[in-house]
Amino acid sequence: MQFNSYSYLLLLGACAALYWRLPFRFRRGYVLLLSALFYAAWKPSYLWIPILLCGVVYWCGTRMAAAGPRAGAYLRCGIGFTVGLLVFFKYRVFLAQNLNGLLAGLHVPPIPAGLWIALPLGISFYSFEAVSYLLDKRQGRIKGESLADLALFVSFWPHMIAGPIVRFRELIPQFRTEKKWDWPMLTQGLDRLIWGLVQKNLLANSLAAWVEEGFAGHSYAANSSTDNWVLAAAFGLQIYFDFAAYSNMAIGAANLIGITLPENFRTPYHAANPAEFWSRWHMTLSRWIRDYLFFPLNARHPDAGARLYLSLIGIMAVVGLWHGAGWGFVLWGILHGVYLTVYRMWERWTEAHPAPWKRSGAVRLGWRAATLVGVLAAWIPFRASSLHQCLAMLREMFFGFHFTRLSFSANFYLGTGAIAVFCALEPLLLAAVERLERAAQKHQTAWVAHAILLRPLVYALGLLLFMIFDDRNVQFIYFQF
């Protein structure tokens, strides 16, 4: 069931209303039931996967807490099972194909990859959350939880399919505290839901057909340098507004029942450097990687330059592979690892050899421009269907110098440009909305006008745009990861 479908939106309103009518002691069970039904609406026969995962992870966590010196064995067992389940469903065919490529060179018969199996929705996301639960449990950050708590943490429907990636200690305590319904809770939820609908249908989906055409088949071979740069920008904008839309709708749906989920995006294309980009893009994934991979691997060697840089590139390659079973995703991760490494090396050199020009506005502008160009170029391997296509498009972008030939209709370039301008102005628009909210709260008359007149008009406009542009059945991009 898509977040931007009419059936979901109608059911969401009814379910949220019933939630507040239930006695507090029944609410957690009600949300757990809703989450199971939401997941089963996609494929009922796959509901056993998160159930099995929760059962094994909970057993390992319970045994780990009582095992003393042997706790590490149960930790490895739980993480191994979680990763094994993810590898089986997501990477089995990819690994078999690559292994068979090596075996063919040695004239060894190929191994069977098995039948194709549909990728379970959200498995990449709830696997990461299960691993974080085990690691937090091992470090004593989680105590007194039940199997129902773990199941609710893993399967809470707003974030289960594509995040935000939350921590157990962020989410479950909110269900243990009784809250009363209030007006700001409703308006905050509706604000995020309707803005997410507009981001998805008006902005992301408007670019989807052009991006699909530009990357399709062998047509990319005729693309000029300008075509490929605009395609990179178009896909960068599409995936940003698509994923930000999902995150906003997840946060909004949770707000409707009084639950706060962490922010996931903060105008990432305005980042001043590669490190800042990852503090603005998919923020909960960046935080997970930092806390559960980067810090543990490098805690004992914080000053080891080469080790640190290789670790950073390797971790980002894993982040790329987490997104999809393909070498293009790995290359995307490696590119971002290289960007982060180069910027970290620059920072260290600047600290060791300070000079006024290194902190100048021109240098900062240069890093901002280089970051944007690097991020857009990296979207090519992420979206391309093969490494051959990826390399051909990148070669044309950087060495083709064919900027006057255009292969697509003018609407493609104008539409991408218009959405890029909106993205550039997004921080100013968000700041203006925040100022309006603060001003309305200070004056009773202004607040009444804002609540009774302005906000309903904005909601009506947002819903109108959502319905007008609801002519493409384009699922959320991160559903495939």
Protein backbone atom coordinates (compact mmCIF):
# COMPACT_ATOMS: atom_id res chain seq x y z
CA MET A 1 0.00 0.00 0.00
CA GLN A 2 1.62 3.22 -1.18
CA PHE A 3 1.82 6.19 1.19
CA ASN A 4 0.45 8.42 -1.59
CA SER A 5 -2.55 6.22 -2.41
CA TYR A 6 -6.09 7.31 -1.61
CA SER A 7 -6.77 4.07 0.27
CA TYR A 8 -3.80 4.61 2.58
CA LEU A 9 -4.67 8.23 3.31
CA LEU A 10 -8.31 7.41 4.12
CA LEU A 11 -7.36 4.46 6.32
CA LEU A 12 -4.66 6.50 8.05
CA GLY A 13 -7.17 9.13 9.17
CA ALA A 14 -9.60 6.51 10.47
CA CYS A 15 -6.89 4.51 12.24
CA ALA A 16 -5.40 7.60 13.88
CA ALA A 17 -8.84 8.67 15.12
CA LEU A 18 -9.50 5.20 16.60
CA TYR A 19 -6.06 5.22 18.26
CA TRP A 20 -7.03 8.23 20.40
CA ARG A 21 -10.38 6.64 21.31
CA LEU A 22 -8.73 3.50 22.72
CA PRO A 23 -7.67 3.18 26.37
CA PHE A 24 -3.94 3.71 26.77
CA ARG A 25 -3.23 0.06 27.67
CA PHE A 26 -4.52 -1.13 24.27
CA ARG A 27 -2.69 1.37 22.08
CA ARG A 28 0.61 -0.46 21.66
CA GLY A 29 -1.13 -3.67 20.67
CA TYR A 30 -3.34 -1.74 18.27
CA VAL A 31 -0.32 -0.12 16.55
CA LEU A 32 1.43 -3.50 16.35
CA LEU A 33 -1.66 -5.01 14.70
CA LEU A 34 -1.89 -2.09 12.24
CA SER A 35 1.80 -2.52 11.37
CA ALA A 36 1.33 -6.24 10.67
CA LEU A 37 -1.72 -5.57 8.48
CA PHE A 38 0.13 -2.79 6.61
CA TYR A 39 3.03 -5.13 5.81
CA ALA A 40 0.71 -8.01 4.92
CA ALA A 41 -1.16 -5.74 2.46
CA TRP A 42 1.94 -5.98 0.23
CA LYS A 43 2.46 -9.76 0.38
CA PRO A 44 0.83 -11.72 3.26
CA SER A 45 3.10 -14.72 2.72
CA TYR A 46 6.17 -12.61 3.62
CA LEU A 47 4.92 -11.54 7.04
CA TRP A 48 6.83 -14.43 8.58
CA ILE A 49 10.18 -12.76 7.74
CA PRO A 50 10.04 -9.85 10.23
CA ILE A 51 8.30 -12.16 12.74
CA LEU A 52 11.12 -14.72 12.52
CA LEU A 53 13.74 -11.97 12.66
CA CYS A 54 12.20 -10.51 15.82
CA GLY A 55 12.00 -13.93 17.47
CA VAL A 56 15.64 -14.82 16.81
CA VAL A 57 16.98 -11.36 17.67
CA TYR A 58 14.96 -11.22 20.89
CA TRP A 59 16.19 -14.67 21.93
CA CYS A 60 19.80 -13.70 21.23
CA GLY A 61 19.37 -10.44 23.14
CA THR A 62 17.83 -12.21 26.14
CA ARG A 63 20.54 -14.88 26.22
CA MET A 64 23.22 -12.27 25.73
CA ALA A 65 22.05 -10.35 28.80
CA ALA A 66 22.36 -13.47 30.97
CA ALA A 67 25.42 -15.07 29.38
CA GLY A 68 28.14 -13.01 31.05
CA PRO A 69 31.51 -13.72 29.38
CA ARG A 70 29.77 -15.65 26.58
CA ALA A 71 27.56 -12.72 25.61
CA GLY A 72 29.68 -12.04 22.53
CA ALA A 73 28.72 -15.40 21.03
CA TYR A 74 25.01 -14.54 21.18
CA LEU A 75 25.71 -11.08 19.78
CA ARG A 76 27.52 -12.63 16.81
CA CYS A 77 24.73 -15.17 16.41
CA GLY A 78 22.04 -12.49 16.27
CA ILE A 79 23.95 -10.22 13.90
CA GLY A 80 24.97 -13.21 11.75
CA PHE A 81 21.37 -14.38 11.42
CA THR A 82 20.15 -10.87 10.54
CA VAL A 83 22.87 -10.30 7.95
CA GLY A 84 22.41 -13.84 6.60
CA LEU A 85 18.70 -13.26 6.08
CA LEU A 86 19.46 -10.00 4.26
CA VAL A 87 22.12 -11.65 2.07
CA PHE A 88 19.82 -14.54 1.18
CA PHE A 89 17.00 -12.35 -0.05
CA LYS A 90 18.93 -9.41 -1.47
CA TYR A 91 22.39 -10.59 -2.57
CA ARG A 92 22.08 -14.31 -3.31
CA VAL A 93 21.72 -13.91 -7.08
CA PHE A 94 24.30 -11.09 -7.24
CA LEU A 95 26.92 -13.18 -5.40
CA ALA A 96 26.19 -16.27 -7.50
CA GLN A 97 26.51 -14.31 -10.77
CA ASN A 98 29.85 -12.81 -9.78
CA LEU A 99 31.17 -16.13 -8.50
CA ASN A 100 30.09 -17.85 -11.71
CA GLY A 101 31.96 -15.18 -13.68
CA LEU A 102 35.13 -16.16 -11.84
CA LEU A 103 34.44 -19.88 -12.22
CA ALA A 104 33.89 -19.48 -15.96
CA GLY A 105 37.43 -18.10 -16.28
CA LEU A 106 38.68 -21.22 -14.52
CA HIS A 107 36.48 -23.49 -16.69
CA VAL A 108 34.55 -24.66 -13.63
CA PRO A 109 30.81 -25.41 -13.94
CA PRO A 110 28.59 -22.61 -12.53
CA ILE A 111 26.74 -22.93 -9.27
CA PRO A 112 22.95 -22.51 -9.30
CA ALA A 113 21.64 -19.22 -7.93
CA GLY A 114 18.25 -20.71 -7.07
CA LEU A 115 14.85 -19.37 -7.99
CA TRP A 116 14.24 -15.65 -8.16
CA ILE A 117 12.51 -14.47 -4.99
CA ALA A 118 10.87 -11.08 -4.54
CA LEU A 119 12.82 -8.77 -2.26
CA PRO A 120 10.87 -8.35 1.00
CA LEU A 121 9.80 -4.74 1.50
CA GLY A 122 11.92 -2.83 3.98
CA ILE A 123 14.31 -5.69 4.79
CA SER A 124 17.38 -3.45 4.45
CA PHE A 125 15.91 -0.95 6.91
CA TYR A 126 14.57 -3.26 9.60
CA SER A 127 17.73 -5.39 9.41
CA PHE A 128 19.81 -2.33 10.34
CA GLU A 129 17.42 -1.61 13.20
CA ALA A 130 17.67 -5.19 14.46
CA VAL A 131 21.48 -4.94 14.46
CA SER A 132 21.35 -1.62 16.35
CA TYR A 133 19.05 -3.25 18.94
CA LEU A 134 21.57 -6.06 19.54
CA LEU A 135 24.54 -3.69 19.82
CA ASP A 136 22.68 -1.34 22.15
CA LYS A 137 21.54 -4.32 24.21
CA ARG A 138 25.13 -5.55 24.49
CA GLN A 139 26.25 -2.13 25.73
CA GLY A 140 23.50 -1.97 28.37
CA ARG A 141 21.51 0.82 26.72
CA ILE A 142 18.32 -1.27 26.52
CA LYS A 143 16.76 -2.97 29.55
CA GLY A 144 13.40 -4.41 30.50
CA GLU A 145 12.02 -4.75 26.99
CA SER A 146 9.56 -7.43 25.87
CA LEU A 147 9.23 -9.32 22.60
CA ALA A 148 6.25 -7.09 21.79
CA ASP A 149 8.44 -4.02 22.28
CA LEU A 150 11.02 -5.38 19.82
CA ALA A 151 8.31 -6.33 17.32
CA LEU A 152 6.83 -2.84 17.55
CA PHE A 153 10.27 -1.26 17.13
CA VAL A 154 11.02 -3.28 13.99
CA SER A 155 7.57 -3.19 12.38
CA PHE A 156 6.17 0.28 13.25
CA TRP A 157 4.53 0.94 9.90
CA PRO A 158 5.55 4.57 9.15
CA HIS A 159 9.29 3.80 9.17
CA MET A 160 9.36 0.05 8.46
CA ILE A 161 9.57 0.18 4.66
CA ALA A 162 12.08 2.98 4.02
CA GLY A 163 13.01 4.66 7.28
CA PRO A 164 13.83 6.95 8.98
CA ILE A 165 16.15 4.46 10.71
CA VAL A 166 15.41 4.84 14.41
CA ARG A 167 16.92 3.53 17.65
CA PHE A 168 15.01 1.37 20.11
CA ARG A 169 15.57 3.89 22.89
CA GLU A 170 14.19 6.70 20.68
CA LEU A 171 10.94 4.99 19.73
CA ILE A 172 9.68 2.52 22.32
CA PRO A 173 9.75 4.84 25.39
CA GLN A 174 7.28 7.08 23.53
CA PHE A 175 4.73 4.23 23.54
CA ARG A 176 5.17 3.76 27.29
CA THR A 177 4.13 7.33 28.11
CA GLU A 178 0.46 8.23 27.90
CA LYS A 179 -0.17 11.30 25.77
CA LYS A 180 -3.29 13.33 25.22
CA TRP A 181 -4.41 14.54 21.83
CA ASP A 182 -3.79 18.20 21.09
CA TRP A 183 -4.18 20.54 18.13
CA PRO A 184 -0.44 21.07 17.34
CA MET A 185 -0.01 17.30 17.09
CA LEU A 186 -2.63 17.19 14.34
CA THR A 187 -1.36 20.22 12.43
CA GLN A 188 2.27 19.05 12.56
CA GLY A 189 1.25 15.66 11.20
CA LEU A 190 -0.91 17.13 8.43
CA ASP A 191 1.81 19.65 7.51
CA ARG A 192 4.31 16.86 6.90
CA LEU A 193 1.84 14.54 5.18
CA ILE A 194 0.58 17.09 2.69
CA TRP A 195 4.03 18.47 1.96
CA GLY A 196 5.20 14.89 1.36
CA LEU A 197 2.34 14.32 -1.08
CA VAL A 198 3.32 17.45 -3.02
CA GLN A 199 7.00 16.48 -3.04
CA LYS A 200 6.17 13.02 -4.38
CA ASN A 201 3.51 13.74 -7.00
CA LEU A 202 4.34 17.27 -8.14
CA LEU A 203 8.16 17.26 -7.95
CA ALA A 204 9.57 13.71 -7.94
CA ASN A 205 7.06 12.05 -10.25
CA SER A 206 7.22 14.93 -12.76
CA LEU A 207 10.86 14.01 -13.41
CA ALA A 208 10.40 10.23 -13.39
CA ALA A 209 9.41 9.74 -17.05
CA TRP A 210 12.26 11.90 -18.36
CA VAL A 211 14.82 10.13 -16.19
CA GLU A 212 13.50 6.75 -17.31
CA GLU A 213 13.79 7.79 -20.97
CA GLY A 214 17.28 9.22 -20.57
CA PHE A 215 18.70 6.09 -18.90
CA ALA A 216 16.74 3.56 -20.97
CA GLY A 217 18.26 0.87 -23.19
CA HIS A 218 20.98 2.04 -25.54
CA SER A 219 19.56 5.54 -25.99
CA TYR A 220 22.14 6.91 -23.57
CA ALA A 221 24.79 6.44 -26.26
CA ALA A 222 23.30 9.36 -28.19
CA ASN A 223 23.25 11.68 -25.17
CA SER A 224 25.42 14.79 -25.30
CA SER A 225 27.41 16.17 -22.37
CA THR A 226 24.58 18.59 -21.63
CA ASP A 227 22.02 15.76 -21.75
CA ASN A 228 23.93 13.67 -19.23
CA TRP A 229 24.56 16.54 -16.84
CA VAL A 230 20.88 17.49 -16.91
CA LEU A 231 19.94 13.81 -16.46
CA ALA A 232 22.24 13.59 -13.43
CA ALA A 233 20.58 16.69 -11.98
CA ALA A 234 17.10 15.39 -12.83
CA PHE A 235 17.69 12.07 -11.11
CA GLY A 236 19.36 13.79 -8.16
CA LEU A 237 16.29 15.98 -7.73
CA GLN A 238 13.91 13.05 -8.30
CA ILE A 239 15.49 10.79 -5.67
CA TYR A 240 15.79 13.66 -3.19
CA PHE A 241 12.17 14.77 -3.40
CA ASP A 242 10.97 11.15 -3.62
CA PHE A 243 12.81 10.01 -0.50
CA ALA A 244 12.21 13.27 1.39
CA ALA A 245 8.51 12.84 0.55
CA TYR A 246 8.46 9.35 2.06
CA SER A 247 10.34 10.56 5.15
CA ASN A 248 7.97 13.51 5.61
CA MET A 249 4.92 11.28 5.25
CA ALA A 250 6.39 8.76 7.71
CA ILE A 251 7.09 11.53 10.23
CA GLY A 252 3.63 13.01 9.64
CA ALA A 253 1.82 9.68 10.08
CA ALA A 254 3.69 9.07 13.34
CA ASN A 255 2.84 12.63 14.51
CA LEU A 256 -0.86 11.85 14.13
CA ILE A 257 -0.60 9.30 16.96
CA GLY A 258 1.78 11.38 19.05
CA ILE A 259 5.04 9.68 18.03
CA THR A 260 8.09 11.69 16.98
CA LEU A 261 10.48 10.20 14.40
CA PRO A 262 13.90 11.74 13.68
CA GLU A 263 14.46 14.06 10.75
CA ASN A 264 16.00 12.48 7.66
CA PHE A 265 16.75 15.36 5.25
CA ARG A 266 17.82 18.99 5.57
CA THR A 267 18.32 20.63 2.13
CA PRO A 268 21.30 18.39 1.23
CA TYR A 269 22.17 20.08 -2.07
CA HIS A 270 23.07 23.21 -0.11
CA ALA A 271 25.91 21.37 1.64
CA ALA A 272 29.19 23.29 1.84
CA ASN A 273 31.38 20.15 1.63
CA PRO A 274 31.09 16.34 1.31
CA ALA A 275 30.96 15.79 5.08
CA GLU A 276 28.11 18.28 5.43
CA PHE A 277 26.24 16.59 2.59
CA TRP A 278 26.09 13.39 4.62
CA SER A 279 24.95 15.32 7.67
CA ARG A 280 21.99 16.54 5.58
CA TRP A 281 21.24 13.53 3.32
CA HIS A 282 19.58 10.42 4.78
CA MET A 283 20.62 11.68 8.19
CA THR A 284 19.49 8.60 10.12
CA LEU A 285 21.53 6.28 7.88
CA SER A 286 24.59 8.54 8.27
CA ARG A 287 24.15 8.47 12.03
CA TRP A 288 23.80 4.66 12.02
CA ILE A 289 26.96 4.21 9.94
CA ARG A 290 28.88 6.64 12.17
CA ASP A 291 27.85 5.03 15.47
CA TYR A 292 27.82 1.33 14.57
CA LEU A 293 30.53 1.05 11.90
CA PHE A 294 32.88 4.02 11.63
CA PHE A 295 33.51 4.75 15.32
CA PRO A 296 33.90 1.09 16.41
CA LEU A 297 36.32 0.35 13.56
CA ASN A 298 38.45 3.44 14.14
CA ALA A 299 38.15 4.08 17.90
CA ARG A 300 41.55 2.55 18.62
CA HIS A 301 43.31 4.31 15.76
CA PRO A 302 41.84 7.84 15.60
CA ASP A 303 45.06 9.37 14.22
CA ALA A 304 46.01 6.63 11.74
CA GLY A 305 45.61 8.56 8.49
CA ALA A 306 45.86 5.82 5.85
CA ARG A 307 43.87 3.34 7.93
CA LEU A 308 41.19 5.94 8.56
CA TYR A 309 40.90 6.85 4.89
CA LEU A 310 40.77 3.23 3.69
CA SER A 311 38.19 2.48 6.37
CA LEU A 312 36.09 5.44 5.22
CA ILE A 313 36.16 4.37 1.57
CA GLY A 314 35.42 0.74 2.49
CA ILE A 315 32.49 1.70 4.73
CA MET A 316 30.99 3.90 2.03
CA ALA A 317 31.37 1.03 -0.46
CA VAL A 318 29.32 -1.11 1.96
CA VAL A 319 26.76 1.71 2.20
CA GLY A 320 26.53 1.63 -1.60
CA LEU A 321 26.07 -2.15 -1.62
CA TRP A 322 23.40 -1.82 1.07
CA HIS A 323 21.39 0.27 -1.38
CA GLY A 324 21.36 -2.40 -4.05
CA ALA A 325 22.95 -5.60 -5.32
CA GLY A 326 25.01 -4.11 -8.15
CA TRP A 327 28.48 -2.75 -8.84
CA GLY A 328 27.05 0.63 -9.76
CA PHE A 329 25.87 1.08 -6.17
CA VAL A 330 29.32 0.05 -4.91
CA LEU A 331 30.95 2.58 -7.23
CA TRP A 332 28.56 5.27 -5.96
CA GLY A 333 29.62 4.47 -2.40
CA ILE A 334 33.31 4.45 -3.28
CA LEU A 335 33.01 7.85 -4.97
CA HIS A 336 31.45 9.32 -1.85
CA GLY A 337 34.14 7.66 0.24
CA VAL A 338 36.78 9.32 -1.92
CA TYR A 339 35.03 12.71 -1.61
CA LEU A 340 34.96 12.39 2.18
CA THR A 341 38.59 11.28 2.27
CA VAL A 342 39.80 14.17 0.12
CA TYR A 343 37.90 16.66 2.28
CA ARG A 344 39.25 15.12 5.50
CA MET A 345 42.79 15.30 4.08
CA TRP A 346 42.20 18.95 3.19
CA GLU A 347 41.01 19.66 6.74
CA ARG A 348 44.09 18.02 8.25
CA TRP A 349 46.42 19.88 5.92
CA THR A 350 44.65 23.17 6.71
CA GLU A 351 45.02 22.54 10.46
CA ALA A 352 48.71 21.67 10.08
CA HIS A 353 49.49 24.59 7.72
CA PRO A 354 47.02 27.39 8.49
CA ALA A 355 46.77 30.26 6.04
CA PRO A 356 44.11 32.97 5.60
CA TRP A 357 43.40 32.04 1.97
CA LYS A 358 42.40 28.49 2.96
CA ARG A 359 39.43 29.89 4.90
CA SER A 360 38.48 32.48 2.31
CA GLY A 361 35.07 32.82 0.70
CA ALA A 362 36.49 31.73 -2.67
CA VAL A 363 37.78 28.45 -1.22
CA ARG A 364 34.47 27.79 0.55
CA LEU A 365 32.62 28.50 -2.70
CA GLY A 366 34.96 26.13 -4.50
CA TRP A 367 34.21 23.32 -2.04
CA ARG A 368 30.49 24.00 -2.32
CA ALA A 369 30.62 23.80 -6.13
CA ALA A 370 32.89 20.73 -6.11
CA THR A 371 30.56 18.97 -3.68
CA LEU A 372 27.52 19.61 -5.85
CA VAL A 373 29.29 18.49 -9.03
CA GLY A 374 30.65 15.37 -7.31
CA VAL A 375 27.29 14.40 -5.84
CA LEU A 376 25.52 14.83 -9.19
CA ALA A 377 28.18 12.84 -11.06
CA ALA A 378 27.89 10.02 -8.51
CA TRP A 379 24.16 9.65 -9.25
CA ILE A 380 25.08 8.27 -12.69
CA PRO A 381 26.43 4.90 -11.43
CA PHE A 382 23.62 4.78 -8.88
CA ARG A 383 20.95 5.04 -11.60
CA ALA A 384 22.67 3.45 -14.62
CA SER A 385 21.62 -0.09 -15.51
CA SER A 386 25.21 -1.32 -16.03
CA LEU A 387 28.80 -0.29 -15.45
CA HIS A 388 29.23 0.05 -19.21
CA GLN A 389 26.40 2.59 -19.37
CA CYS A 390 27.74 4.38 -16.31
CA LEU A 391 31.26 4.75 -17.70
CA ALA A 392 29.97 5.85 -21.10
CA MET A 393 27.82 8.58 -19.57
CA LEU A 394 30.56 9.79 -17.21
CA ARG A 395 33.07 9.86 -20.07
CA GLU A 396 30.72 12.04 -22.12
CA MET A 397 30.07 14.31 -19.12
CA PHE A 398 33.73 15.01 -18.36
CA PHE A 399 35.51 14.47 -21.69
CA GLY A 400 32.84 14.72 -24.40
CA PHE A 401 32.53 18.53 -24.61
CA HIS A 402 29.33 18.19 -26.68
CA PHE A 403 27.29 20.92 -25.01
CA THR A 404 25.27 22.34 -27.89
CA ARG A 405 23.50 19.17 -29.05
CA LEU A 406 20.26 18.42 -27.20
CA SER A 407 18.50 15.06 -27.47
CA PHE A 408 15.28 15.65 -25.55
CA SER A 409 12.31 17.97 -25.69
CA ALA A 410 12.61 21.49 -24.29
CA ASN A 411 10.17 20.51 -21.52
CA PHE A 412 12.80 18.19 -20.04
CA TYR A 413 15.40 20.94 -19.64
CA LEU A 414 12.90 23.59 -18.57
CA GLY A 415 11.15 21.29 -16.10
CA THR A 416 14.40 20.13 -14.53
CA GLY A 417 15.59 23.74 -14.35
CA ALA A 418 12.37 24.90 -12.67
CA ILE A 419 12.56 22.18 -10.01
CA ALA A 420 16.27 22.95 -9.50
CA VAL A 421 15.38 26.61 -8.87
CA PHE A 422 12.76 25.51 -6.34
CA CYS A 423 15.39 23.32 -4.64
CA ALA A 424 17.76 26.32 -4.53
CA LEU A 425 15.06 28.47 -2.90
CA GLU A 426 13.88 25.74 -0.50
CA PRO A 427 15.80 27.01 2.58
CA LEU A 428 14.34 30.50 2.10
CA LEU A 429 10.82 29.10 1.79
CA LEU A 430 11.24 26.95 4.91
CA ALA A 431 12.58 29.94 6.86
CA ALA A 432 9.61 32.05 5.72
CA VAL A 433 7.15 29.38 6.88
CA GLU A 434 8.86 29.16 10.28
CA ARG A 435 8.68 32.96 10.69
CA LEU A 436 4.99 32.90 9.80
CA GLU A 437 4.33 30.16 12.37
CA ARG A 438 6.17 32.05 15.12
CA ALA A 439 4.38 35.30 14.28
CA ALA A 440 0.98 33.59 14.34
CA GLN A 441 1.66 32.02 17.75
CA LYS A 442 2.50 35.41 19.30
CA HIS A 443 -0.79 37.10 18.42
CA GLN A 444 -4.15 35.51 19.17
CA THR A 445 -5.96 37.17 16.26
CA ALA A 446 -3.24 36.19 13.79
CA TRP A 447 -3.25 32.63 15.16
CA VAL A 448 -7.01 32.30 14.68
CA ALA A 449 -6.75 33.60 11.09
CA HIS A 450 -3.82 31.30 10.45
CA ALA A 451 -5.55 28.22 11.92
CA ILE A 452 -9.04 28.81 10.50
CA LEU A 453 -8.27 30.41 7.14
CA LEU A 454 -4.66 30.23 5.94
CA ARG A 455 -3.72 26.69 6.96
CA PRO A 456 -6.90 25.10 5.49
CA LEU A 457 -6.30 27.01 2.24
CA VAL A 458 -2.71 25.74 2.08
CA TYR A 459 -3.90 22.19 2.79
CA ALA A 460 -6.53 22.49 0.05
CA LEU A 461 -3.93 23.76 -2.42
CA GLY A 462 -1.53 20.94 -1.49
CA LEU A 463 -4.22 18.28 -1.90
CA LEU A 464 -5.31 19.83 -5.19
CA LEU A 465 -1.75 19.65 -6.55
CA PHE A 466 -1.46 16.07 -5.28
CA MET A 467 -4.62 15.03 -7.13
CA ILE A 468 -3.84 16.95 -10.32
CA PHE A 469 -0.44 15.27 -10.64
CA ASP A 470 -1.66 11.87 -9.45
CA ASP A 471 -1.52 10.42 -12.97
CA ARG A 472 1.59 8.24 -12.67
CA ASN A 473 1.79 5.03 -10.68
CA VAL A 474 5.41 5.55 -9.63
CA GLN A 475 6.36 3.76 -6.42
CA PHE A 476 8.82 5.29 -3.98
CA ILE A 477 12.38 4.74 -5.18
CA TYR A 478 13.68 3.44 -1.86
CA PHE A 479 11.07 0.67 -1.80
CA GLN A 480 13.46 -1.33 -4.00
CA PHE A 481 16.26 -1.12 -1.43
